[in-house]
Amino acid sequence: MAPASDTIFALSSGRGPAAIAVIRISGSRAGDALKALGVKIPEPRKAGLARVRNPDPLADNEIIDEALALWFPAPHSETGEDVAELQLHGGRAVIAAVLAALGRIEGLRPAEAGEFTRRAFENGKLDLTAVEGLADLVMAETQGQRRQAFRQMKGLLGGRAETWRQRLIQALALVEA
């Protein structure tokens, strides 16, 4: 397992081709990654138009794509770390070029499967039941599965368990008294 201090990146949407592809970057160097791609960091939680450029000196600052860039500074992000997102055109060549460009930036590495969610859990953004609900939501095939997974992801099960825990603590306190 790679250190949690690394800045990671990955395609967060489905594989192309598609109309839109979302590439997420999470960690302390997320802002540096945007700058290396020639992207001005937009205001937090507001989309900004960006010309994503190839940082390779041999590429002569070539524009890879025009995209939307979003910035979510820590701790107010999905992972609790600085997070940047690029919403690009979803062609395979565009996705491959941006991922390759990110891979050439010092201090960045591709994310492992589930690593964004793990970081959210480690940083207190999700509890274990929400993590399980998210996994179930991604895998849901029926409307019933989707509804149940969404409720679990939003804390219904975790909230009930916490209520039961509080009641048990109060009951134990009364028994001891």
Protein backbone atom coordinates (compact mmCIF):
# COMPACT_ATOMS: atom_id res chain seq x y z
CA MET A 1 0.00 0.00 0.00
CA ALA A 2 1.30 3.45 -0.94
CA PRO A 3 1.67 6.23 1.64
CA ALA A 4 -1.46 8.31 2.28
CA SER A 5 0.65 11.49 1.98
CA ASP A 6 1.06 10.95 -1.78
CA THR A 7 -1.05 13.01 -4.15
CA ILE A 8 -3.12 10.66 -6.25
CA PHE A 9 -5.10 10.93 -9.47
CA ALA A 10 -7.52 8.75 -11.41
CA LEU A 11 -10.32 8.72 -13.90
CA SER A 12 -13.38 8.99 -11.67
CA SER A 13 -16.02 8.61 -14.35
CA GLY A 14 -16.52 5.61 -16.58
CA ARG A 15 -14.02 4.82 -19.30
CA GLY A 16 -14.39 6.59 -22.59
CA PRO A 17 -15.50 7.26 -25.07
CA ALA A 18 -18.13 9.41 -23.43
CA ALA A 19 -19.31 13.01 -23.62
CA ILE A 20 -17.56 13.92 -20.36
CA ALA A 21 -14.71 12.35 -18.39
CA VAL A 22 -13.89 13.35 -14.82
CA ILE A 23 -10.33 13.10 -13.56
CA ARG A 24 -9.87 13.61 -9.83
CA ILE A 25 -6.66 14.64 -8.06
CA SER A 26 -6.42 14.41 -4.25
CA GLY A 27 -3.62 15.36 -1.89
CA SER A 28 -1.37 18.23 -0.89
CA ARG A 29 -0.02 18.67 -4.44
CA ALA A 30 -3.42 18.84 -6.19
CA GLY A 31 -3.10 22.59 -6.73
CA ASP A 32 0.45 22.18 -8.02
CA ALA A 33 -0.85 19.58 -10.48
CA LEU A 34 -3.38 22.03 -11.90
CA LYS A 35 -0.72 24.70 -12.25
CA ALA A 36 1.65 22.24 -13.97
CA LEU A 37 -1.10 21.57 -16.52
CA GLY A 38 -1.42 25.33 -17.12
CA VAL A 39 -4.73 25.52 -15.27
CA LYS A 40 -5.53 28.48 -13.01
CA ILE A 41 -7.01 27.28 -9.71
CA PRO A 42 -10.66 28.39 -9.73
CA GLU A 43 -12.56 29.72 -6.74
CA PRO A 44 -13.50 26.91 -4.34
CA ARG A 45 -16.55 24.90 -5.47
CA LYS A 46 -16.95 26.95 -8.67
CA ALA A 47 -16.18 25.67 -12.15
CA GLY A 48 -13.67 27.54 -14.25
CA LEU A 49 -12.87 27.13 -17.92
CA ALA A 50 -9.38 25.72 -18.38
CA ARG A 51 -7.04 24.96 -21.23
CA VAL A 52 -5.27 21.82 -20.09
CA ARG A 53 -1.71 21.82 -21.43
CA ASN A 54 0.90 19.12 -21.77
CA PRO A 55 3.69 19.93 -19.27
CA ASP A 56 6.26 17.86 -21.20
CA PRO A 57 8.95 20.29 -22.51
CA LEU A 58 9.02 18.36 -25.79
CA ALA A 59 5.28 18.99 -26.29
CA ASP A 60 5.84 22.77 -26.54
CA ASN A 61 2.97 23.55 -24.11
CA GLU A 62 0.43 21.93 -26.44
CA ILE A 63 -3.23 22.23 -25.43
CA ILE A 64 -4.65 18.78 -24.70
CA ASP A 65 -8.25 19.87 -24.18
CA GLU A 66 -10.51 22.65 -22.99
CA ALA A 67 -12.16 21.56 -19.78
CA LEU A 68 -13.87 22.66 -16.62
CA ALA A 69 -11.69 22.75 -13.52
CA LEU A 70 -13.04 22.57 -9.98
CA TRP A 71 -11.19 23.14 -6.71
CA PHE A 72 -12.15 21.80 -3.28
CA PRO A 73 -9.63 22.88 -0.61
CA ALA A 74 -9.07 20.73 2.46
CA PRO A 75 -10.77 19.92 4.72
CA HIS A 76 -13.98 20.72 2.83
CA SER A 77 -13.71 18.06 0.15
CA GLU A 78 -14.85 14.48 -0.37
CA THR A 79 -11.51 13.08 0.86
CA GLY A 80 -10.74 15.75 3.44
CA GLU A 81 -7.64 16.70 1.40
CA ASP A 82 -7.15 19.30 -1.33
CA VAL A 83 -9.06 17.96 -4.34
CA ALA A 84 -9.07 19.13 -7.94
CA GLU A 85 -11.31 17.81 -10.68
CA LEU A 86 -11.03 18.19 -14.42
CA GLN A 87 -14.17 17.63 -16.46
CA LEU A 88 -12.81 16.90 -19.91
CA HIS A 89 -14.14 15.73 -23.23
CA GLY A 90 -14.42 11.97 -22.81
CA GLY A 91 -12.47 10.70 -25.80
CA ARG A 92 -9.95 7.96 -25.11
CA ALA A 93 -7.05 10.03 -26.48
CA VAL A 94 -7.93 13.03 -24.28
CA ILE A 95 -8.20 10.88 -21.16
CA ALA A 96 -4.94 9.07 -21.93
CA ALA A 97 -3.08 12.33 -22.60
CA VAL A 98 -4.21 13.98 -19.35
CA LEU A 99 -3.48 10.87 -17.25
CA ALA A 100 -0.04 10.59 -18.88
CA ALA A 101 0.62 14.29 -18.22
CA LEU A 102 -0.36 13.90 -14.56
CA GLY A 103 1.90 10.85 -14.30
CA ARG A 104 4.87 12.98 -15.38
CA ILE A 105 4.35 15.52 -12.58
CA GLU A 106 6.67 14.96 -9.65
CA GLY A 107 4.92 13.87 -6.46
CA LEU A 108 1.82 12.47 -8.18
CA ARG A 109 0.93 8.84 -8.75
CA PRO A 110 -2.11 6.93 -10.03
CA ALA A 111 -4.64 6.08 -7.32
CA GLU A 112 -5.13 2.50 -6.25
CA ALA A 113 -8.62 1.02 -6.51
CA GLY A 114 -10.82 2.48 -3.75
CA GLU A 115 -8.12 4.86 -2.53
CA PHE A 116 -10.24 8.04 -2.71
CA THR A 117 -12.88 6.33 -0.54
CA ARG A 118 -10.24 5.01 1.86
CA ARG A 119 -8.86 8.51 2.31
CA ALA A 120 -12.37 9.86 2.94
CA PHE A 121 -12.83 7.18 5.62
CA GLU A 122 -9.41 7.85 7.20
CA ASN A 123 -10.13 11.59 7.29
CA GLY A 124 -13.53 11.13 8.95
CA LYS A 125 -15.59 12.09 5.90
CA LEU A 126 -17.30 8.68 5.73
CA ASP A 127 -18.01 6.06 8.38
CA LEU A 128 -17.74 2.35 7.67
CA THR A 129 -21.44 1.94 6.91
CA ALA A 130 -21.30 4.85 4.44
CA VAL A 131 -18.28 3.27 2.73
CA GLU A 132 -20.19 0.00 2.40
CA GLY A 133 -23.25 1.89 1.14
CA LEU A 134 -21.15 3.65 -1.49
CA ALA A 135 -19.74 0.31 -2.70
CA ASP A 136 -23.28 -1.11 -2.82
CA LEU A 137 -24.54 1.95 -4.71
CA VAL A 138 -21.85 1.57 -7.37
CA MET A 139 -22.77 -2.11 -7.79
CA ALA A 140 -26.58 -1.69 -7.55
CA GLU A 141 -28.48 -3.29 -10.43
CA THR A 142 -32.07 -2.80 -9.29
CA GLN A 143 -34.01 0.20 -8.03
CA GLY A 144 -34.48 -1.49 -4.65
CA GLN A 145 -30.73 -2.05 -4.31
CA ARG A 146 -30.09 1.55 -5.33
CA ARG A 147 -32.55 2.93 -2.76
CA GLN A 148 -31.16 0.81 0.08
CA ALA A 149 -27.54 1.58 -0.80
CA PHE A 150 -28.26 5.31 -1.02
CA ARG A 151 -29.94 5.32 2.40
CA GLN A 152 -27.00 3.44 3.88
CA MET A 153 -24.48 5.74 2.22
CA LYS A 154 -26.28 8.77 3.64
CA GLY A 155 -25.98 7.42 7.16
CA LEU A 156 -29.38 5.87 7.88
CA LEU A 157 -27.86 2.66 9.26
CA GLY A 158 -24.96 4.45 10.98
CA GLY A 159 -27.36 6.96 12.55
CA ARG A 160 -29.58 4.20 13.90
CA ALA A 161 -26.58 2.33 15.29
CA GLU A 162 -25.38 5.51 17.02
CA THR A 163 -28.85 6.05 18.55
CA TRP A 164 -28.85 2.46 19.83
CA ARG A 165 -25.33 2.94 21.23
CA GLN A 166 -26.39 6.08 23.10
CA ARG A 167 -29.47 4.30 24.54
CA LEU A 168 -27.34 1.36 25.67
CA ILE A 169 -24.84 3.69 27.38
CA GLN A 170 -27.71 5.43 29.18
CA ALA A 171 -29.23 2.08 30.23
CA LEU A 172 -25.86 0.86 31.54
CA ALA A 173 -25.39 4.09 33.46
CA LEU A 174 -28.82 3.63 35.09
CA VAL A 175 -28.07 0.00 35.96
CA GLU A 176 -24.76 1.00 37.57
CA ALA A 177 -26.41 3.84 39.46
